[in-house]
PDB file of all heavy atoms in Angstrom:
ATOM      1  N   THR A   1      -2.737   4.414  -0.823  1.00  0.00           N
ATOM      2  CA  THR A   1      -1.546   4.759  -1.591  1.00  0.00           C
ATOM      3  C   THR A   1      -0.323   4.134  -0.939  1.00  0.00           C
ATOM      4  O   THR A   1      -0.230   4.082   0.290  1.00  0.00           O
ATOM      5  CB  THR A   1      -1.355   6.284  -1.673  1.00  0.00           C
ATOM      6  OG1 THR A   1      -2.459   6.873  -2.355  1.00  0.00           O
ATOM      7  CG2 THR A   1      -0.071   6.638  -2.416  1.00  0.00           C
ATOM      8  N   ILE A   2       0.606   3.680  -1.761  1.00  0.00           N
ATOM      9  CA  ILE A   2       1.888   3.193  -1.281  1.00  0.00           C
ATOM     10  C   ILE A   2       2.978   3.830  -2.131  1.00  0.00           C
ATOM     11  O   ILE A   2       2.874   3.890  -3.358  1.00  0.00           O
ATOM     12  CB  ILE A   2       1.958   1.649  -1.303  1.00  0.00           C
ATOM     13  CG1 ILE A   2       3.269   1.151  -0.693  1.00  0.00           C
ATOM     14  CG2 ILE A   2       1.764   1.107  -2.713  1.00  0.00           C
ATOM     15  CD1 ILE A   2       3.262  -0.344  -0.408  1.00  0.00           C
ATOM     16  N   THR A   3       4.022   4.326  -1.487  1.00  0.00           N
ATOM     17  CA  THR A   3       5.093   4.997  -2.200  1.00  0.00           C
ATOM     18  C   THR A   3       5.931   3.988  -2.979  1.00  0.00           C
ATOM     19  O   THR A   3       5.840   2.778  -2.789  1.00  0.00           O
ATOM     20  CB  THR A   3       5.979   5.801  -1.247  1.00  0.00           C
ATOM     21  OG1 THR A   3       6.428   4.957  -0.181  1.00  0.00           O
ATOM     22  CG2 THR A   3       5.212   6.976  -0.663  1.00  0.00           C
ATOM     23  N   ALA A   4       6.778   4.520  -3.864  1.00  0.00           N
ATOM     24  CA  ALA A   4       7.527   3.676  -4.787  1.00  0.00           C
ATOM     25  C   ALA A   4       8.356   2.616  -4.077  1.00  0.00           C
ATOM     26  O   ALA A   4       8.451   1.475  -4.547  1.00  0.00           O
ATOM     27  CB  ALA A   4       8.421   4.544  -5.674  1.00  0.00           C
ATOM     28  N   THR A   5       8.956   2.983  -2.950  1.00  0.00           N
ATOM     29  CA  THR A   5       9.784   2.038  -2.206  1.00  0.00           C
ATOM     30  C   THR A   5       8.988   1.159  -1.258  1.00  0.00           C
ATOM     31  O   THR A   5       9.537   0.223  -0.680  1.00  0.00           O
ATOM     32  CB  THR A   5      10.849   2.781  -1.391  1.00  0.00           C
ATOM     33  OG1 THR A   5      10.213   3.589  -0.403  1.00  0.00           O
ATOM     34  CG2 THR A   5      11.710   3.661  -2.287  1.00  0.00           C
ATOM     35  N   GLY A   6       7.721   1.466  -1.073  1.00  0.00           N
ATOM     36  CA  GLY A   6       6.900   0.740  -0.126  1.00  0.00           C
ATOM     37  C   GLY A   6       7.037   1.210   1.302  1.00  0.00           C
ATOM     38  O   GLY A   6       6.465   0.595   2.206  1.00  0.00           O
ATOM     39  N   GLY A   7       7.757   2.307   1.521  1.00  0.00           N
ATOM     40  CA  GLY A   7       8.037   2.757   2.868  1.00  0.00           C
ATOM     41  C   GLY A   7       6.951   3.568   3.534  1.00  0.00           C
ATOM     42  O   GLY A   7       7.009   3.776   4.752  1.00  0.00           O
ATOM     43  N   LYS A   8       6.000   4.036   2.779  1.00  0.00           N
ATOM     44  CA  LYS A   8       4.940   4.870   3.327  1.00  0.00           C
ATOM     45  C   LYS A   8       3.618   4.463   2.703  1.00  0.00           C
ATOM     46  O   LYS A   8       3.529   4.289   1.492  1.00  0.00           O
ATOM     47  CB  LYS A   8       5.219   6.345   3.060  1.00  0.00           C
ATOM     48  CG  LYS A   8       4.230   7.304   3.690  1.00  0.00           C
ATOM     49  CD  LYS A   8       4.636   8.744   3.426  1.00  0.00           C
ATOM     50  CE  LYS A   8       3.655   9.723   4.042  1.00  0.00           C
ATOM     51  NZ  LYS A   8       4.032  11.128   3.763  1.00  0.00           N
ATOM     52  N   ARG A   9       2.601   4.331   3.565  1.00  0.00           N
ATOM     53  CA  ARG A   9       1.267   3.957   3.120  1.00  0.00           C
ATOM     54  C   ARG A   9       0.250   4.902   3.728  1.00  0.00           C
ATOM     55  O   ARG A   9       0.393   5.348   4.866  1.00  0.00           O
ATOM     56  CB  ARG A   9       0.932   2.524   3.530  1.00  0.00           C
ATOM     57  CG  ARG A   9       1.961   1.497   3.106  1.00  0.00           C
ATOM     58  CD  ARG A   9       1.615   0.137   3.655  1.00  0.00           C
ATOM     59  NE  ARG A   9       2.706  -0.807   3.475  1.00  0.00           N
ATOM     60  CZ  ARG A   9       2.650  -2.086   3.766  1.00  0.00           C
ATOM     61  NH1 ARG A   9       1.528  -2.613   4.252  1.00  0.00           N
ATOM     62  NH2 ARG A   9       3.701  -2.870   3.571  1.00  0.00           N
ATOM     63  N   ASN A  10      -0.796   5.189   2.973  1.00  0.00           N
ATOM     64  CA  ASN A  10      -1.890   6.019   3.456  1.00  0.00           C
ATOM     65  C   ASN A  10      -3.209   5.398   3.056  1.00  0.00           C
ATOM     66  O   ASN A  10      -3.318   4.796   1.993  1.00  0.00           O
ATOM     67  CB  ASN A  10      -1.788   7.439   2.900  1.00  0.00           C
ATOM     68  CG  ASN A  10      -0.657   8.232   3.511  1.00  0.00           C
ATOM     69  OD1 ASN A  10      -0.719   8.607   4.668  1.00  0.00           O
ATOM     70  ND2 ASN A  10       0.385   8.481   2.728  1.00  0.00           N
ATOM     71  N   TYR A  11      -4.219   5.579   3.922  1.00  0.00           N
ATOM     72  CA  TYR A  11      -5.535   5.011   3.703  1.00  0.00           C
ATOM     73  C   TYR A  11      -6.611   6.037   4.009  1.00  0.00           C
ATOM     74  O   TYR A  11      -6.456   6.871   4.906  1.00  0.00           O
ATOM     75  CB  TYR A  11      -5.779   3.807   4.612  1.00  0.00           C
ATOM     76  CG  TYR A  11      -4.779   2.689   4.469  1.00  0.00           C
ATOM     77  CD1 TYR A  11      -3.639   2.644   5.259  1.00  0.00           C
ATOM     78  CD2 TYR A  11      -4.990   1.665   3.555  1.00  0.00           C
ATOM     79  CE1 TYR A  11      -2.732   1.611   5.133  1.00  0.00           C
ATOM     80  CE2 TYR A  11      -4.085   0.630   3.428  1.00  0.00           C
ATOM     81  CZ  TYR A  11      -2.957   0.610   4.221  1.00  0.00           C
ATOM     82  OH  TYR A  11      -2.061  -0.418   4.093  1.00  0.00           O
ATOM     83  N   VAL A  12      -7.705   5.950   3.281  1.00  0.00           N
ATOM     84  CA  VAL A  12      -8.865   6.731   3.651  1.00  0.00           C
ATOM     85  C   VAL A  12      -9.398   6.191   4.982  1.00  0.00           C
ATOM     86  O   VAL A  12      -9.293   4.989   5.273  1.00  0.00           O
ATOM     87  CB  VAL A  12      -9.934   6.668   2.541  1.00  0.00           C
ATOM     88  CG1 VAL A  12     -10.510   5.274   2.396  1.00  0.00           C
ATOM     89  CG2 VAL A  12     -11.019   7.701   2.774  1.00  0.00           C
ATOM     90  N   ASP A  13      -9.935   7.080   5.818  1.00  0.00           N
ATOM     91  CA  ASP A  13     -10.331   6.689   7.167  1.00  0.00           C
ATOM     92  C   ASP A  13     -11.292   5.500   7.193  1.00  0.00           C
ATOM     93  O   ASP A  13     -11.230   4.660   8.095  1.00  0.00           O
ATOM     94  CB  ASP A  13     -10.975   7.866   7.897  1.00  0.00           C
ATOM     95  CG  ASP A  13      -9.971   8.904   8.341  1.00  0.00           C
ATOM     96  OD1 ASP A  13      -8.762   8.610   8.336  1.00  0.00           O
ATOM     97  OD2 ASP A  13     -10.400  10.019   8.699  1.00  0.00           O
ATOM     98  N   SER A  14     -12.174   5.415   6.228  1.00  0.00           N
ATOM     99  CA  SER A  14     -13.207   4.397   6.243  1.00  0.00           C
ATOM    100  C   SER A  14     -12.675   2.971   6.084  1.00  0.00           C
ATOM    101  O   SER A  14     -13.394   2.016   6.375  1.00  0.00           O
ATOM    102  CB  SER A  14     -14.251   4.677   5.164  1.00  0.00           C
ATOM    103  OG  SER A  14     -13.664   4.677   3.879  1.00  0.00           O
ATOM    104  N   VAL A  15     -11.427   2.808   5.636  1.00  0.00           N
ATOM    105  CA  VAL A  15     -10.879   1.468   5.445  1.00  0.00           C
ATOM    106  C   VAL A  15      -9.717   1.161   6.376  1.00  0.00           C
ATOM    107  O   VAL A  15      -9.203   0.035   6.355  1.00  0.00           O
ATOM    108  CB  VAL A  15     -10.446   1.227   3.985  1.00  0.00           C
ATOM    109  CG1 VAL A  15     -11.566   1.603   3.021  1.00  0.00           C
ATOM    110  CG2 VAL A  15      -9.160   1.981   3.653  1.00  0.00           C
ATOM    111  N   LYS A  16      -9.304   2.107   7.195  1.00  0.00           N
ATOM    112  CA  LYS A  16      -8.186   1.875   8.106  1.00  0.00           C
ATOM    113  C   LYS A  16      -8.485   0.712   9.046  1.00  0.00           C
ATOM    114  O   LYS A  16      -9.565   0.626   9.620  1.00  0.00           O
ATOM    115  CB  LYS A  16      -7.878   3.141   8.907  1.00  0.00           C
ATOM    116  CG  LYS A  16      -7.219   4.236   8.095  1.00  0.00           C
ATOM    117  CD  LYS A  16      -6.924   5.463   8.951  1.00  0.00           C
ATOM    118  CE  LYS A  16      -6.233   6.531   8.132  1.00  0.00           C
ATOM    119  NZ  LYS A  16      -6.001   7.759   8.922  1.00  0.00           N
ATOM    120  N   GLY A  17      -7.511  -0.165   9.191  1.00  0.00           N
ATOM    121  CA  GLY A  17      -7.686  -1.340  10.024  1.00  0.00           C
ATOM    122  C   GLY A  17      -8.320  -2.506   9.317  1.00  0.00           C
ATOM    123  O   GLY A  17      -8.336  -3.616   9.862  1.00  0.00           O
ATOM    124  N   ARG A  18      -8.844  -2.291   8.117  1.00  0.00           N
ATOM    125  CA  ARG A  18      -9.490  -3.358   7.351  1.00  0.00           C
ATOM    126  C   ARG A  18      -8.744  -3.687   6.057  1.00  0.00           C
ATOM    127  O   ARG A  18      -8.698  -4.845   5.658  1.00  0.00           O
ATOM    128  CB  ARG A  18     -10.928  -2.989   7.014  1.00  0.00           C
ATOM    129  CG  ARG A  18     -11.804  -2.732   8.235  1.00  0.00           C
ATOM    130  CD  ARG A  18     -13.269  -2.602   7.849  1.00  0.00           C
ATOM    131  NE  ARG A  18     -13.500  -1.454   6.965  1.00  0.00           N
ATOM    132  CZ  ARG A  18     -14.016  -1.540   5.746  1.00  0.00           C
ATOM    133  NH1 ARG A  18     -14.361  -2.734   5.247  1.00  0.00           N
ATOM    134  NH2 ARG A  18     -14.211  -0.455   5.016  1.00  0.00           N
ATOM    135  N   PHE A  19      -8.198  -2.666   5.406  1.00  0.00           N
ATOM    136  CA  PHE A  19      -7.524  -2.842   4.121  1.00  0.00           C
ATOM    137  C   PHE A  19      -6.018  -2.667   4.296  1.00  0.00           C
ATOM    138  O   PHE A  19      -5.567  -1.859   5.117  1.00  0.00           O
ATOM    139  CB  PHE A  19      -7.998  -1.810   3.100  1.00  0.00           C
ATOM    140  CG  PHE A  19      -9.409  -1.981   2.608  1.00  0.00           C
ATOM    141  CD1 PHE A  19     -10.297  -2.852   3.207  1.00  0.00           C
ATOM    142  CD2 PHE A  19      -9.840  -1.236   1.521  1.00  0.00           C
ATOM    143  CE1 PHE A  19     -11.598  -2.994   2.748  1.00  0.00           C
ATOM    144  CE2 PHE A  19     -11.136  -1.364   1.049  1.00  0.00           C
ATOM    145  CZ  PHE A  19     -12.011  -2.237   1.659  1.00  0.00           C
ATOM    146  N   THR A  20      -5.250  -3.390   3.498  1.00  0.00           N
ATOM    147  CA  THR A  20      -3.803  -3.248   3.468  1.00  0.00           C
ATOM    148  C   THR A  20      -3.328  -3.182   2.026  1.00  0.00           C
ATOM    149  O   THR A  20      -3.672  -4.049   1.219  1.00  0.00           O
ATOM    150  CB  THR A  20      -3.104  -4.419   4.172  1.00  0.00           C
ATOM    151  OG1 THR A  20      -3.557  -4.516   5.523  1.00  0.00           O
ATOM    152  CG2 THR A  20      -1.591  -4.214   4.171  1.00  0.00           C
ATOM    153  N   ILE A  21      -2.562  -2.151   1.697  1.00  0.00           N
ATOM    154  CA  ILE A  21      -1.943  -2.056   0.384  1.00  0.00           C
ATOM    155  C   ILE A  21      -0.485  -2.499   0.502  1.00  0.00           C
ATOM    156  O   ILE A  21       0.205  -2.142   1.457  1.00  0.00           O
ATOM    157  CB  ILE A  21      -2.060  -0.631  -0.199  1.00  0.00           C
ATOM    158  CG1 ILE A  21      -1.546  -0.585  -1.645  1.00  0.00           C
ATOM    159  CG2 ILE A  21      -1.350   0.395   0.670  1.00  0.00           C
ATOM    160  CD1 ILE A  21      -1.834   0.736  -2.348  1.00  0.00           C
ATOM    161  N   TYR A  22      -0.025  -3.282  -0.452  1.00  0.00           N
ATOM    162  CA  TYR A  22       1.372  -3.680  -0.473  1.00  0.00           C
ATOM    163  C   TYR A  22       1.794  -3.931  -1.912  1.00  0.00           C
ATOM    164  O   TYR A  22       0.960  -4.091  -2.799  1.00  0.00           O
ATOM    165  CB  TYR A  22       1.651  -4.895   0.422  1.00  0.00           C
ATOM    166  CG  TYR A  22       0.926  -6.171   0.057  1.00  0.00           C
ATOM    167  CD1 TYR A  22       1.576  -7.176  -0.645  1.00  0.00           C
ATOM    168  CD2 TYR A  22      -0.388  -6.378   0.451  1.00  0.00           C
ATOM    169  CE1 TYR A  22       0.921  -8.354  -0.958  1.00  0.00           C
ATOM    170  CE2 TYR A  22      -1.048  -7.554   0.141  1.00  0.00           C
ATOM    171  CZ  TYR A  22      -0.386  -8.536  -0.562  1.00  0.00           C
ATOM    172  OH  TYR A  22      -1.033  -9.715  -0.872  1.00  0.00           O
ATOM    173  N   ARG A  23       3.097  -3.942  -2.139  1.00  0.00           N
ATOM    174  CA  ARG A  23       3.603  -4.088  -3.500  1.00  0.00           C
ATOM    175  C   ARG A  23       4.781  -5.037  -3.542  1.00  0.00           C
ATOM    176  O   ARG A  23       5.489  -5.220  -2.547  1.00  0.00           O
ATOM    177  CB  ARG A  23       3.996  -2.720  -4.081  1.00  0.00           C
ATOM    178  CG  ARG A  23       5.162  -2.048  -3.380  1.00  0.00           C
ATOM    179  CD  ARG A  23       5.287  -0.577  -3.806  1.00  0.00           C
ATOM    180  NE  ARG A  23       5.641  -0.449  -5.210  1.00  0.00           N
ATOM    181  CZ  ARG A  23       5.463   0.649  -5.927  1.00  0.00           C
ATOM    182  NH1 ARG A  23       4.912   1.731  -5.367  1.00  0.00           N
ATOM    183  NH2 ARG A  23       5.824   0.682  -7.208  1.00  0.00           N
ATOM    184  N   ASP A  24       4.990  -5.614  -4.705  1.00  0.00           N
ATOM    185  CA  ASP A  24       6.123  -6.484  -4.967  1.00  0.00           C
ATOM    186  C   ASP A  24       6.815  -5.929  -6.200  1.00  0.00           C
ATOM    187  O   ASP A  24       6.389  -6.176  -7.328  1.00  0.00           O
ATOM    188  CB  ASP A  24       5.671  -7.928  -5.183  1.00  0.00           C
ATOM    189  CG  ASP A  24       6.830  -8.883  -5.348  1.00  0.00           C
ATOM    190  OD1 ASP A  24       7.960  -8.445  -5.622  1.00  0.00           O
ATOM    191  OD2 ASP A  24       6.602 -10.104  -5.203  1.00  0.00           O
ATOM    192  N   ASN A  25       7.867  -5.152  -5.985  1.00  0.00           N
ATOM    193  CA  ASN A  25       8.528  -4.498  -7.110  1.00  0.00           C
ATOM    194  C   ASN A  25       9.257  -5.478  -8.022  1.00  0.00           C
ATOM    195  O   ASN A  25       9.492  -5.181  -9.193  1.00  0.00           O
ATOM    196  CB  ASN A  25       9.492  -3.426  -6.607  1.00  0.00           C
ATOM    197  CG  ASN A  25       8.777  -2.174  -6.132  1.00  0.00           C
ATOM    198  OD1 ASN A  25       7.547  -2.082  -6.192  1.00  0.00           O
ATOM    199  ND2 ASN A  25       9.536  -1.196  -5.657  1.00  0.00           N
ATOM    200  N   ALA A  26       9.624  -6.637  -7.496  1.00  0.00           N
ATOM    201  CA  ALA A  26      10.254  -7.654  -8.324  1.00  0.00           C
ATOM    202  C   ALA A  26       9.283  -8.251  -9.329  1.00  0.00           C
ATOM    203  O   ALA A  26       9.697  -8.741 -10.384  1.00  0.00           O
ATOM    204  CB  ALA A  26      10.859  -8.751  -7.455  1.00  0.00           C
ATOM    205  N   GLU A  27       7.988  -8.219  -8.998  1.00  0.00           N
ATOM    206  CA  GLU A  27       6.960  -8.765  -9.869  1.00  0.00           C
ATOM    207  C   GLU A  27       6.122  -7.691 -10.548  1.00  0.00           C
ATOM    208  O   GLU A  27       5.208  -8.022 -11.311  1.00  0.00           O
ATOM    209  CB  GLU A  27       6.046  -9.695  -9.072  1.00  0.00           C
ATOM    210  CG  GLU A  27       6.762 -10.912  -8.488  1.00  0.00           C
ATOM    211  CD  GLU A  27       7.146 -11.921  -9.544  1.00  0.00           C
ATOM    212  OE1 GLU A  27       6.537 -11.908 -10.639  1.00  0.00           O
ATOM    213  OE2 GLU A  27       8.061 -12.723  -9.289  1.00  0.00           O
ATOM    214  N   ASP A  28       6.407  -6.422 -10.286  1.00  0.00           N
ATOM    215  CA  ASP A  28       5.650  -5.303 -10.854  1.00  0.00           C
ATOM    216  C   ASP A  28       4.160  -5.433 -10.557  1.00  0.00           C
ATOM    217  O   ASP A  28       3.309  -5.286 -11.449  1.00  0.00           O
ATOM    218  CB  ASP A  28       5.880  -5.193 -12.364  1.00  0.00           C
ATOM    219  CG  ASP A  28       7.294  -4.771 -12.723  1.00  0.00           C
ATOM    220  OD1 ASP A  28       8.083  -4.447 -11.809  1.00  0.00           O
ATOM    221  OD2 ASP A  28       7.615  -4.761 -13.921  1.00  0.00           O
ATOM    222  N   ARG A  29       3.849  -5.690  -9.296  1.00  0.00           N
ATOM    223  CA  ARG A  29       2.465  -5.863  -8.890  1.00  0.00           C
ATOM    224  C   ARG A  29       2.183  -5.119  -7.593  1.00  0.00           C
ATOM    225  O   ARG A  29       3.054  -5.010  -6.722  1.00  0.00           O
ATOM    226  CB  ARG A  29       2.132  -7.345  -8.702  1.00  0.00           C
ATOM    227  CG  ARG A  29       2.213  -8.147  -9.984  1.00  0.00           C
ATOM    228  CD  ARG A  29       1.945  -9.624  -9.744  1.00  0.00           C
ATOM    229  NE  ARG A  29       0.552  -9.916  -9.485  1.00  0.00           N
ATOM    230  CZ  ARG A  29      -0.358 -10.199 -10.426  1.00  0.00           C
ATOM    231  NH1 ARG A  29      -0.010 -10.216 -11.711  1.00  0.00           N
ATOM    232  NH2 ARG A  29      -1.609 -10.463 -10.075  1.00  0.00           N
ATOM    233  N   VAL A  30       0.974  -4.607  -7.480  1.00  0.00           N
ATOM    234  CA  VAL A  30       0.495  -3.997  -6.258  1.00  0.00           C
ATOM    235  C   VAL A  30      -0.814  -4.670  -5.879  1.00  0.00           C
ATOM    236  O   VAL A  30      -1.597  -5.056  -6.754  1.00  0.00           O
ATOM    237  CB  VAL A  30       0.332  -2.468  -6.401  1.00  0.00           C
ATOM    238  CG1 VAL A  30      -0.693  -2.120  -7.473  1.00  0.00           C
ATOM    239  CG2 VAL A  30      -0.010  -1.827  -5.064  1.00  0.00           C
TER     240      VAL A  30
END
């Protein structure tokens, strides 16, 4: 999960260190 501003991210334990969530609000993409 990533918050609307991108300031906070959370991951399920099984993917921590392997997966990264990020967003580009100018392009409306996550």
